[in-house]
Amino acid sequence: MPGFKIGDTKENNIDGFNLNTVTDEYYTNFFWDISHILRDFLKNANHPKKSLLALKDCKLPTFTVEEEKVLGSSVEYKFAKKINWDDISVTWYDNFGLLSVMKTWMDSVFTLQRGMALASSYKKETKILVFTPSNSSRQEYTLNQSWPKAIKFGDLSYTSSEIKVIEATISYDYAEYAEK
């Protein structure tokens, strides 16, 4: 791993910093899973492998703080005003049956016959799990009250032989983090 370690791993205490060096494993970009998001829709969809969707990538939750500025006599003071949770994107490799899963997910929010659904029926909990390679620890990101804000069914081209992907933008009210 490039870089350096701060602190002495033998004593775990340098300059008043007590370092926890339980593991030398690092979280990587390719040991992760997303769950709960389509659990209810997979049960009812015509997907041949009801537990397997081919995930390509996923963004982790991000929050930004909007600031309030107050002008004093000669100084501008800044205060935290509100928290904004940025939408995340998830990309799946398109395989047989995924279209019906996405349509069912989209229909949970809106159909032409019904219009917009009640928020209590389509806002769900989504969990993103990030593992160390040995699975000795994990990070858990819970997106509370999440729902599909946009679903892009991919692009077609005669100039590319790449696998078609389906992208979803997921909106949520707030996220919680845990390390286990």
N, C-alpha and C. Protein backbone atom coordinates (compact mmCIF):
# COMPACT_ATOMS: atom_id res chain seq x y z
N MET A 1 0.86 -1.17 0.00
CA MET A 1 0.00 0.00 0.00
C MET A 1 0.91 1.24 0.00
N PRO A 2 0.76 2.12 -0.97
CA PRO A 2 1.58 3.32 -0.99
C PRO A 2 1.24 4.24 0.17
N GLY A 3 2.16 5.12 0.51
CA GLY A 3 1.94 6.05 1.61
C GLY A 3 2.69 5.63 2.84
N PHE A 4 2.22 6.08 3.97
CA PHE A 4 2.91 5.77 5.21
C PHE A 4 1.90 5.65 6.34
N LYS A 5 2.32 5.02 7.43
CA LYS A 5 1.48 4.89 8.60
C LYS A 5 1.88 5.95 9.62
N ILE A 6 0.90 6.51 10.25
CA ILE A 6 1.16 7.49 11.30
C ILE A 6 1.14 6.75 12.62
N GLY A 7 2.18 6.91 13.39
CA GLY A 7 2.22 6.28 14.70
C GLY A 7 3.07 5.03 14.71
N ASP A 8 3.35 4.56 15.89
CA ASP A 8 4.15 3.36 16.10
C ASP A 8 3.18 2.22 16.36
N THR A 9 3.13 1.24 15.48
CA THR A 9 2.16 0.17 15.63
C THR A 9 2.47 -0.72 16.82
N LYS A 10 3.68 -0.66 17.38
CA LYS A 10 4.00 -1.47 18.56
C LYS A 10 3.40 -0.87 19.82
N GLU A 11 3.49 0.42 19.93
CA GLU A 11 3.01 1.08 21.15
C GLU A 11 1.61 1.65 20.99
N ASN A 12 1.19 1.92 19.77
CA ASN A 12 -0.14 2.48 19.47
C ASN A 12 -0.41 3.80 20.17
N ASN A 13 0.62 4.53 20.54
CA ASN A 13 0.39 5.81 21.20
C ASN A 13 1.56 6.74 20.89
N ILE A 14 1.29 7.80 20.15
CA ILE A 14 2.32 8.78 19.82
C ILE A 14 1.72 10.16 19.99
N ASP A 15 2.38 10.99 20.72
CA ASP A 15 1.95 12.37 20.92
C ASP A 15 0.49 12.48 21.36
N GLY A 16 0.04 11.56 22.20
CA GLY A 16 -1.32 11.62 22.72
C GLY A 16 -2.37 11.00 21.83
N PHE A 17 -2.00 10.53 20.62
CA PHE A 17 -2.95 9.89 19.73
C PHE A 17 -2.92 8.39 19.97
N ASN A 18 -4.04 7.86 20.39
CA ASN A 18 -4.13 6.42 20.60
C ASN A 18 -4.65 5.82 19.29
N LEU A 19 -3.79 5.10 18.59
CA LEU A 19 -4.16 4.56 17.29
C LEU A 19 -4.67 3.14 17.42
N ASN A 20 -5.77 2.85 16.76
CA ASN A 20 -6.32 1.52 16.75
C ASN A 20 -5.80 0.80 15.51
N THR A 21 -4.94 -0.17 15.71
CA THR A 21 -4.36 -0.90 14.58
C THR A 21 -4.81 -2.35 14.64
N VAL A 22 -6.11 -2.56 14.65
CA VAL A 22 -6.66 -3.90 14.72
C VAL A 22 -6.30 -4.70 13.48
N THR A 23 -6.30 -4.06 12.33
CA THR A 23 -6.03 -4.75 11.08
C THR A 23 -5.21 -3.86 10.16
N ASP A 24 -4.43 -4.50 9.30
CA ASP A 24 -3.72 -3.76 8.27
C ASP A 24 -4.44 -3.87 6.94
N GLU A 25 -5.67 -4.39 6.95
CA GLU A 25 -6.45 -4.50 5.73
C GLU A 25 -7.13 -3.17 5.43
N TYR A 26 -7.27 -2.89 4.15
CA TYR A 26 -7.91 -1.66 3.71
C TYR A 26 -9.16 -1.98 2.93
N TYR A 27 -10.13 -1.09 2.98
CA TYR A 27 -11.32 -1.24 2.18
C TYR A 27 -10.96 -0.93 0.73
N THR A 28 -11.43 -1.75 -0.18
CA THR A 28 -11.13 -1.55 -1.59
C THR A 28 -12.41 -1.22 -2.35
N ASN A 29 -12.24 -0.81 -3.59
CA ASN A 29 -13.39 -0.42 -4.41
C ASN A 29 -14.16 -1.61 -4.96
N PHE A 30 -13.64 -2.83 -4.83
CA PHE A 30 -14.28 -3.95 -5.50
C PHE A 30 -14.83 -5.02 -4.57
N PHE A 31 -14.90 -4.78 -3.27
CA PHE A 31 -15.56 -5.69 -2.33
C PHE A 31 -16.75 -4.96 -1.72
N TRP A 32 -17.91 -5.05 -2.37
CA TRP A 32 -19.08 -4.36 -1.86
C TRP A 32 -20.34 -5.04 -2.35
N ASP A 33 -21.45 -4.68 -1.73
CA ASP A 33 -22.75 -5.25 -2.07
C ASP A 33 -23.81 -4.21 -1.73
N ILE A 34 -24.89 -4.24 -2.45
CA ILE A 34 -26.02 -3.35 -2.14
C ILE A 34 -27.22 -4.25 -1.88
N SER A 35 -27.95 -3.97 -0.83
CA SER A 35 -29.07 -4.85 -0.48
C SER A 35 -30.29 -4.04 -0.11
N HIS A 36 -31.38 -4.73 0.01
CA HIS A 36 -32.67 -4.20 0.43
C HIS A 36 -33.34 -3.36 -0.65
N ILE A 37 -32.58 -2.74 -1.53
CA ILE A 37 -33.16 -1.76 -2.44
C ILE A 37 -34.21 -2.36 -3.35
N LEU A 38 -33.95 -3.55 -3.87
CA LEU A 38 -34.89 -4.17 -4.80
C LEU A 38 -35.47 -5.47 -4.24
N ARG A 39 -35.31 -5.69 -2.96
CA ARG A 39 -35.75 -6.95 -2.34
C ARG A 39 -37.22 -7.24 -2.62
N ASP A 40 -38.09 -6.28 -2.39
CA ASP A 40 -39.52 -6.49 -2.60
C ASP A 40 -39.86 -6.67 -4.07
N PHE A 41 -39.13 -5.98 -4.94
CA PHE A 41 -39.43 -6.04 -6.36
C PHE A 41 -38.94 -7.34 -7.00
N LEU A 42 -37.83 -7.88 -6.48
CA LEU A 42 -37.31 -9.13 -7.01
C LEU A 42 -38.25 -10.30 -6.71
N LYS A 43 -38.96 -10.22 -5.59
CA LYS A 43 -39.89 -11.29 -5.23
C LYS A 43 -41.01 -11.42 -6.26
N ASN A 44 -41.43 -10.28 -6.83
CA ASN A 44 -42.57 -10.28 -7.73
C ASN A 44 -42.19 -10.22 -9.21
N ALA A 45 -40.93 -10.00 -9.52
CA ALA A 45 -40.53 -9.80 -10.91
C ALA A 45 -40.24 -11.13 -11.60
N ASN A 46 -40.18 -11.09 -12.91
CA ASN A 46 -39.88 -12.28 -13.71
C ASN A 46 -38.38 -12.39 -13.97
N HIS A 47 -37.58 -12.21 -12.94
CA HIS A 47 -36.13 -12.31 -13.08
C HIS A 47 -35.73 -13.75 -12.81
N PRO A 48 -34.99 -14.41 -13.74
CA PRO A 48 -34.69 -15.83 -13.56
C PRO A 48 -33.83 -16.14 -12.35
N LYS A 49 -32.96 -15.24 -11.98
CA LYS A 49 -32.12 -15.43 -10.79
C LYS A 49 -32.52 -14.36 -9.80
N LYS A 50 -33.50 -14.65 -9.00
CA LYS A 50 -34.12 -13.63 -8.18
C LYS A 50 -33.19 -12.96 -7.18
N SER A 51 -32.06 -13.57 -6.86
CA SER A 51 -31.16 -12.96 -5.90
C SER A 51 -29.92 -12.35 -6.55
N LEU A 52 -29.77 -12.50 -7.88
CA LEU A 52 -28.55 -12.05 -8.52
C LEU A 52 -28.83 -10.97 -9.55
N LEU A 53 -28.35 -9.78 -9.30
CA LEU A 53 -28.32 -8.71 -10.28
C LEU A 53 -26.86 -8.34 -10.47
N ALA A 54 -26.46 -8.14 -11.70
CA ALA A 54 -25.05 -7.90 -12.01
C ALA A 54 -24.72 -6.42 -11.81
N LEU A 55 -24.24 -6.07 -10.63
CA LEU A 55 -23.89 -4.69 -10.33
C LEU A 55 -22.56 -4.32 -10.97
N LYS A 56 -22.50 -3.11 -11.48
CA LYS A 56 -21.25 -2.61 -12.05
C LYS A 56 -20.57 -1.64 -11.10
N ASP A 57 -21.29 -0.60 -10.68
CA ASP A 57 -20.70 0.35 -9.74
C ASP A 57 -21.78 1.08 -8.95
N CYS A 58 -21.32 1.74 -7.91
CA CYS A 58 -22.22 2.43 -6.99
C CYS A 58 -21.48 3.57 -6.33
N LYS A 59 -22.11 4.70 -6.20
CA LYS A 59 -21.54 5.84 -5.47
C LYS A 59 -21.96 5.75 -4.02
N LEU A 60 -21.09 6.15 -3.13
CA LEU A 60 -21.41 6.16 -1.70
C LEU A 60 -22.06 7.49 -1.33
N PRO A 61 -22.80 7.52 -0.23
CA PRO A 61 -23.49 8.76 0.16
C PRO A 61 -22.51 9.90 0.46
N THR A 62 -22.96 11.08 0.12
CA THR A 62 -22.19 12.31 0.36
C THR A 62 -23.13 13.37 0.91
N PHE A 63 -22.66 14.10 1.90
CA PHE A 63 -23.48 15.22 2.36
C PHE A 63 -22.67 16.51 2.23
N THR A 64 -23.39 17.58 1.99
CA THR A 64 -22.78 18.90 1.94
C THR A 64 -23.54 19.79 2.91
N VAL A 65 -22.85 20.75 3.44
CA VAL A 65 -23.45 21.67 4.39
C VAL A 65 -23.64 23.02 3.71
N GLU A 66 -24.87 23.45 3.67
CA GLU A 66 -25.16 24.78 3.14
C GLU A 66 -24.84 25.78 4.24
N GLU A 67 -24.22 26.87 3.87
CA GLU A 67 -23.80 27.81 4.91
C GLU A 67 -24.61 29.11 4.87
N GLU A 68 -24.72 29.70 6.01
CA GLU A 68 -25.35 31.01 6.20
C GLU A 68 -24.22 32.00 6.45
N LYS A 69 -24.24 33.11 5.75
CA LYS A 69 -23.20 34.14 5.94
C LYS A 69 -23.82 35.37 6.58
N VAL A 70 -23.16 35.85 7.61
CA VAL A 70 -23.60 37.05 8.31
C VAL A 70 -22.45 38.04 8.28
N LEU A 71 -22.72 39.23 7.81
CA LEU A 71 -21.69 40.25 7.71
C LEU A 71 -21.63 41.05 9.00
N GLY A 72 -20.46 41.00 9.64
CA GLY A 72 -20.23 41.80 10.84
C GLY A 72 -19.69 43.16 10.43
N SER A 73 -19.11 43.89 11.36
CA SER A 73 -18.59 45.22 11.03
C SER A 73 -17.46 45.14 10.01
N SER A 74 -16.57 44.17 10.14
CA SER A 74 -15.49 44.05 9.17
C SER A 74 -15.14 42.59 8.86
N VAL A 75 -15.97 41.68 9.36
CA VAL A 75 -15.70 40.26 9.17
C VAL A 75 -16.99 39.57 8.71
N GLU A 76 -16.84 38.63 7.81
CA GLU A 76 -17.98 37.82 7.40
C GLU A 76 -17.95 36.52 8.20
N TYR A 77 -19.02 36.25 8.95
CA TYR A 77 -19.11 35.05 9.76
C TYR A 77 -19.90 33.99 9.00
N LYS A 78 -19.46 32.75 9.12
CA LYS A 78 -20.12 31.66 8.41
C LYS A 78 -20.64 30.65 9.43
N PHE A 79 -21.88 30.19 9.20
CA PHE A 79 -22.52 29.22 10.07
C PHE A 79 -23.13 28.10 9.23
N ALA A 80 -23.22 26.92 9.80
CA ALA A 80 -23.90 25.82 9.13
C ALA A 80 -25.39 26.12 9.10
N LYS A 81 -25.99 25.98 7.92
CA LYS A 81 -27.41 26.30 7.77
C LYS A 81 -28.25 25.03 7.68
N LYS A 82 -27.89 24.13 6.76
CA LYS A 82 -28.62 22.88 6.64
C LYS A 82 -27.76 21.85 5.93
N ILE A 83 -28.13 20.60 6.09
CA ILE A 83 -27.41 19.48 5.48
C ILE A 83 -28.17 19.03 4.23
N ASN A 84 -27.44 18.84 3.15
CA ASN A 84 -28.00 18.28 1.92
C ASN A 84 -27.34 16.94 1.65
N TRP A 85 -28.14 15.90 1.49
CA TRP A 85 -27.63 14.58 1.13
C TRP A 85 -27.72 14.44 -0.37
N ASP A 86 -26.57 14.24 -1.02
CA ASP A 86 -26.52 14.15 -2.47
C ASP A 86 -27.03 12.78 -2.94
N ASP A 87 -27.75 12.78 -4.05
CA ASP A 87 -28.24 11.53 -4.63
C ASP A 87 -27.05 10.64 -5.00
N ILE A 88 -27.29 9.33 -5.02
CA ILE A 88 -26.25 8.40 -5.45
C ILE A 88 -26.68 7.76 -6.77
N SER A 89 -25.70 7.20 -7.47
CA SER A 89 -26.02 6.47 -8.69
C SER A 89 -25.54 5.04 -8.56
N VAL A 90 -26.34 4.13 -9.10
CA VAL A 90 -26.03 2.71 -9.11
C VAL A 90 -26.16 2.25 -10.56
N THR A 91 -25.20 1.43 -11.01
CA THR A 91 -25.21 0.93 -12.38
C THR A 91 -25.21 -0.59 -12.38
N TRP A 92 -26.11 -1.16 -13.16
CA TRP A 92 -26.19 -2.61 -13.33
C TRP A 92 -25.85 -2.97 -14.77
N TYR A 93 -25.20 -4.13 -14.95
CA TYR A 93 -25.08 -4.69 -16.29
C TYR A 93 -26.45 -5.22 -16.67
N ASP A 94 -26.90 -4.89 -17.87
CA ASP A 94 -28.23 -5.31 -18.30
C ASP A 94 -28.21 -6.79 -18.65
N ASN A 95 -29.07 -7.56 -17.99
CA ASN A 95 -29.21 -8.97 -18.32
C ASN A 95 -30.70 -9.29 -18.39
N PHE A 96 -31.01 -10.49 -18.85
CA PHE A 96 -32.41 -10.86 -19.04
C PHE A 96 -33.17 -10.77 -17.72
N GLY A 97 -34.29 -10.07 -17.74
CA GLY A 97 -35.14 -9.94 -16.55
C GLY A 97 -34.95 -8.64 -15.80
N LEU A 98 -33.83 -7.95 -16.03
CA LEU A 98 -33.59 -6.70 -15.29
C LEU A 98 -34.58 -5.61 -15.68
N LEU A 99 -35.00 -5.59 -16.94
CA LEU A 99 -35.97 -4.59 -17.39
C LEU A 99 -37.26 -4.68 -16.58
N SER A 100 -37.74 -5.90 -16.34
CA SER A 100 -38.99 -6.04 -15.57
C SER A 100 -38.79 -5.63 -14.11
N VAL A 101 -37.60 -5.88 -13.55
CA VAL A 101 -37.31 -5.46 -12.17
C VAL A 101 -37.32 -3.93 -12.10
N MET A 102 -36.66 -3.26 -13.06
CA MET A 102 -36.61 -1.80 -13.06
C MET A 102 -38.00 -1.20 -13.29
N LYS A 103 -38.77 -1.82 -14.17
CA LYS A 103 -40.13 -1.32 -14.42
C LYS A 103 -40.98 -1.43 -13.16
N THR A 104 -40.87 -2.54 -12.45
CA THR A 104 -41.62 -2.71 -11.20
C THR A 104 -41.18 -1.67 -10.17
N TRP A 105 -39.87 -1.41 -10.09
CA TRP A 105 -39.35 -0.40 -9.17
C TRP A 105 -39.87 0.98 -9.54
N MET A 106 -39.82 1.30 -10.83
CA MET A 106 -40.31 2.60 -11.31
C MET A 106 -41.81 2.73 -11.04
N ASP A 107 -42.57 1.65 -11.29
CA ASP A 107 -44.02 1.68 -11.06
C ASP A 107 -44.38 1.88 -9.59
N SER A 108 -43.46 1.57 -8.69
CA SER A 108 -43.75 1.80 -7.27
C SER A 108 -43.89 3.28 -6.96
N VAL A 109 -43.30 4.14 -7.81
CA VAL A 109 -43.39 5.59 -7.62
C VAL A 109 -44.51 6.19 -8.46
N PHE A 110 -44.63 5.74 -9.72
CA PHE A 110 -45.57 6.38 -10.64
C PHE A 110 -46.04 5.40 -11.70
N THR A 111 -47.34 5.44 -12.00
CA THR A 111 -47.88 4.77 -13.17
C THR A 111 -48.85 5.74 -13.84
N LEU A 112 -49.08 5.53 -15.14
CA LEU A 112 -50.03 6.41 -15.85
C LEU A 112 -51.44 6.25 -15.32
N GLN A 113 -51.81 5.06 -14.91
CA GLN A 113 -53.17 4.83 -14.43
C GLN A 113 -53.38 5.42 -13.03
N ARG A 114 -52.43 5.29 -12.15
CA ARG A 114 -52.57 5.70 -10.75
C ARG A 114 -52.02 7.10 -10.49
N GLY A 115 -51.00 7.48 -11.22
CA GLY A 115 -50.31 8.73 -10.93
C GLY A 115 -49.22 8.49 -9.89
N MET A 116 -48.92 9.48 -9.09
CA MET A 116 -47.89 9.36 -8.06
C MET A 116 -48.42 8.52 -6.89
N ALA A 117 -47.57 7.63 -6.40
CA ALA A 117 -47.94 6.80 -5.25
C ALA A 117 -47.68 7.56 -3.96
N LEU A 118 -48.22 7.05 -2.87
CA LEU A 118 -47.93 7.62 -1.56
C LEU A 118 -46.46 7.35 -1.21
N ALA A 119 -45.80 8.31 -0.63
CA ALA A 119 -44.38 8.16 -0.28
C ALA A 119 -44.15 6.95 0.62
N SER A 120 -45.08 6.65 1.49
CA SER A 120 -44.91 5.51 2.40
C SER A 120 -44.85 4.18 1.66
N SER A 121 -45.34 4.13 0.44
CA SER A 121 -45.33 2.87 -0.31
C SER A 121 -44.06 2.68 -1.15
N TYR A 122 -43.35 3.76 -1.50
CA TYR A 122 -42.17 3.59 -2.36
C TYR A 122 -40.85 3.96 -1.68
N LYS A 123 -40.88 4.68 -0.58
CA LYS A 123 -39.64 5.03 0.11
C LYS A 123 -39.19 3.86 0.97
N LYS A 124 -38.00 3.34 0.70
CA LYS A 124 -37.50 2.14 1.37
C LYS A 124 -36.12 2.39 1.96
N GLU A 125 -35.62 1.40 2.67
CA GLU A 125 -34.27 1.46 3.22
C GLU A 125 -33.32 0.72 2.28
N THR A 126 -32.19 1.33 1.97
CA THR A 126 -31.16 0.72 1.13
C THR A 126 -29.89 0.61 1.94
N LYS A 127 -29.22 -0.53 1.85
CA LYS A 127 -27.94 -0.71 2.55
C LYS A 127 -26.85 -0.98 1.53
N ILE A 128 -25.73 -0.31 1.71
CA ILE A 128 -24.54 -0.56 0.92
C ILE A 128 -23.48 -1.07 1.88
N LEU A 129 -22.94 -2.25 1.60
CA LEU A 129 -21.94 -2.87 2.46
C LEU A 129 -20.61 -2.88 1.72
N VAL A 130 -19.54 -2.44 2.41
CA VAL A 130 -18.19 -2.45 1.86
C VAL A 130 -17.35 -3.35 2.76
N PHE A 131 -16.69 -4.36 2.16
CA PHE A 131 -15.96 -5.36 2.92
C PHE A 131 -14.46 -5.22 2.74
N THR A 132 -13.70 -5.69 3.73
CA THR A 132 -12.27 -5.90 3.53
C THR A 132 -12.12 -7.21 2.76
N PRO A 133 -10.99 -7.44 2.08
CA PRO A 133 -10.84 -8.66 1.30
C PRO A 133 -11.06 -9.95 2.08
N SER A 134 -10.69 -9.99 3.35
CA SER A 134 -10.89 -11.21 4.15
C SER A 134 -12.26 -11.24 4.83
N ASN A 135 -13.05 -10.19 4.63
CA ASN A 135 -14.38 -10.07 5.24
C ASN A 135 -14.31 -10.01 6.77
N SER A 136 -13.18 -9.53 7.29
CA SER A 136 -13.03 -9.43 8.74
C SER A 136 -13.74 -8.20 9.32
N SER A 137 -13.99 -7.21 8.49
CA SER A 137 -14.75 -6.05 8.94
C SER A 137 -15.49 -5.46 7.73
N ARG A 138 -16.44 -4.60 8.05
CA ARG A 138 -17.20 -3.99 6.97
C ARG A 138 -17.72 -2.63 7.37
N GLN A 139 -17.98 -1.82 6.36
CA GLN A 139 -18.64 -0.54 6.53
C GLN A 139 -20.06 -0.72 6.03
N GLU A 140 -21.01 -0.13 6.74
CA GLU A 140 -22.42 -0.24 6.35
C GLU A 140 -22.99 1.16 6.21
N TYR A 141 -23.50 1.46 5.02
CA TYR A 141 -24.14 2.74 4.75
C TYR A 141 -25.63 2.47 4.56
N THR A 142 -26.46 3.10 5.37
CA THR A 142 -27.91 2.91 5.27
C THR A 142 -28.52 4.19 4.74
N LEU A 143 -29.18 4.07 3.58
CA LEU A 143 -29.87 5.21 2.98
C LEU A 143 -31.33 5.11 3.41
N ASN A 144 -31.74 6.01 4.26
CA ASN A 144 -33.09 5.98 4.81
C ASN A 144 -34.06 6.71 3.90
N GLN A 145 -35.23 6.08 3.70
CA GLN A 145 -36.29 6.62 2.86
C GLN A 145 -35.82 6.83 1.42
N SER A 146 -35.17 5.82 0.86
CA SER A 146 -34.63 5.92 -0.50
C SER A 146 -35.67 5.52 -1.53
N TRP A 147 -35.51 6.08 -2.74
CA TRP A 147 -36.44 5.81 -3.83
C TRP A 147 -35.77 6.13 -5.16
N PRO A 148 -36.26 5.54 -6.25
CA PRO A 148 -35.63 5.79 -7.55
C PRO A 148 -36.05 7.14 -8.12
N LYS A 149 -35.10 8.04 -8.23
CA LYS A 149 -35.38 9.37 -8.77
C LYS A 149 -35.30 9.35 -10.30
N ALA A 150 -34.40 8.54 -10.82
CA ALA A 150 -34.26 8.43 -12.28
C ALA A 150 -33.74 7.04 -12.62
N ILE A 151 -34.24 6.50 -13.72
CA ILE A 151 -33.73 5.24 -14.25
C ILE A 151 -33.42 5.46 -15.72
N LYS A 152 -32.16 5.23 -16.08
CA LYS A 152 -31.72 5.37 -17.47
C LYS A 152 -31.48 3.97 -18.00
N PHE A 153 -32.24 3.61 -19.04
CA PHE A 153 -32.20 2.24 -19.55
C PHE A 153 -31.04 1.99 -20.51
N GLY A 154 -30.07 2.88 -20.56
CA GLY A 154 -28.86 2.65 -21.34
C GLY A 154 -28.87 3.32 -22.70
N ASP A 155 -27.77 3.16 -23.39
CA ASP A 155 -27.59 3.72 -24.72
C ASP A 155 -27.25 2.60 -25.69
N LEU A 156 -27.66 2.77 -26.94
CA LEU A 156 -27.35 1.80 -27.98
C LEU A 156 -26.41 2.44 -28.99
N SER A 157 -25.49 1.64 -29.52
CA SER A 157 -24.54 2.17 -30.49
C SER A 157 -23.98 1.04 -31.35
N TYR A 158 -23.84 1.31 -32.64
CA TYR A 158 -23.17 0.36 -33.52
C TYR A 158 -21.66 0.47 -33.44
N THR A 159 -21.15 1.49 -32.76
CA THR A 159 -19.71 1.72 -32.71
C THR A 159 -19.06 1.15 -31.46
N SER A 160 -19.81 0.44 -30.62
CA SER A 160 -19.26 -0.09 -29.39
C SER A 160 -19.74 -1.53 -29.17
N SER A 161 -18.90 -2.33 -28.57
CA SER A 161 -19.29 -3.71 -28.25
C SER A 161 -19.37 -3.92 -26.74
N GLU A 162 -19.50 -2.84 -25.99
CA GLU A 162 -19.59 -2.93 -24.53
C GLU A 162 -20.95 -3.49 -24.12
N ILE A 163 -20.99 -4.04 -22.93
CA ILE A 163 -22.26 -4.54 -22.39
C ILE A 163 -23.15 -3.35 -22.04
N LYS A 164 -24.41 -3.44 -22.40
CA LYS A 164 -25.38 -2.38 -22.09
C LYS A 164 -25.59 -2.32 -20.57
N VAL A 165 -25.74 -1.12 -20.05
CA VAL A 165 -25.94 -0.93 -18.61
C VAL A 165 -27.24 -0.16 -18.37
N ILE A 166 -27.76 -0.35 -17.17
CA ILE A 166 -28.91 0.42 -16.69
C ILE A 166 -28.45 1.19 -15.46
N GLU A 167 -28.70 2.49 -15.46
CA GLU A 167 -28.27 3.35 -14.36
C GLU A 167 -29.49 3.88 -13.61
N ALA A 168 -29.37 3.95 -12.30
CA ALA A 168 -30.44 4.51 -11.48
C ALA A 168 -29.86 5.59 -10.58
N THR A 169 -30.59 6.67 -10.43
CA THR A 169 -30.25 7.71 -9.46
C THR A 169 -31.19 7.51 -8.28
N ILE A 170 -30.60 7.37 -7.11
CA ILE A 170 -31.38 7.10 -5.91
C ILE A 170 -31.34 8.32 -5.00
N SER A 171 -32.52 8.79 -4.66
CA SER A 171 -32.65 9.90 -3.72
C SER A 171 -32.99 9.32 -2.35
N TYR A 172 -32.59 10.00 -1.30
CA TYR A 172 -32.86 9.52 0.06
C TYR A 172 -32.88 10.72 0.99
N ASP A 173 -33.49 10.54 2.16
CA ASP A 173 -33.62 11.65 3.10
C ASP A 173 -32.33 11.89 3.89
N TYR A 174 -31.73 10.81 4.37
CA TYR A 174 -30.47 10.93 5.11
C TYR A 174 -29.80 9.57 5.15
N ALA A 175 -28.51 9.56 5.49
CA ALA A 175 -27.76 8.30 5.55
C ALA A 175 -27.17 8.12 6.94
N GLU A 176 -26.98 6.86 7.30
CA GLU A 176 -26.31 6.51 8.56
C GLU A 176 -25.13 5.62 8.22
N TYR A 177 -24.06 5.75 9.01
CA TYR A 177 -22.82 5.02 8.77
C TYR A 177 -22.51 4.16 9.98
N ALA A 178 -21.96 2.98 9.73
CA ALA A 178 -21.51 2.12 10.82
C ALA A 178 -20.34 1.29 10.31
N GLU A 179 -19.44 0.97 11.23
CA GLU A 179 -18.34 0.07 10.89
C GLU A 179 -18.41 -1.11 11.86
N LYS A 180 -18.43 -2.30 11.29
CA LYS A 180 -18.62 -3.49 12.11
C LYS A 180 -17.49 -4.46 11.90
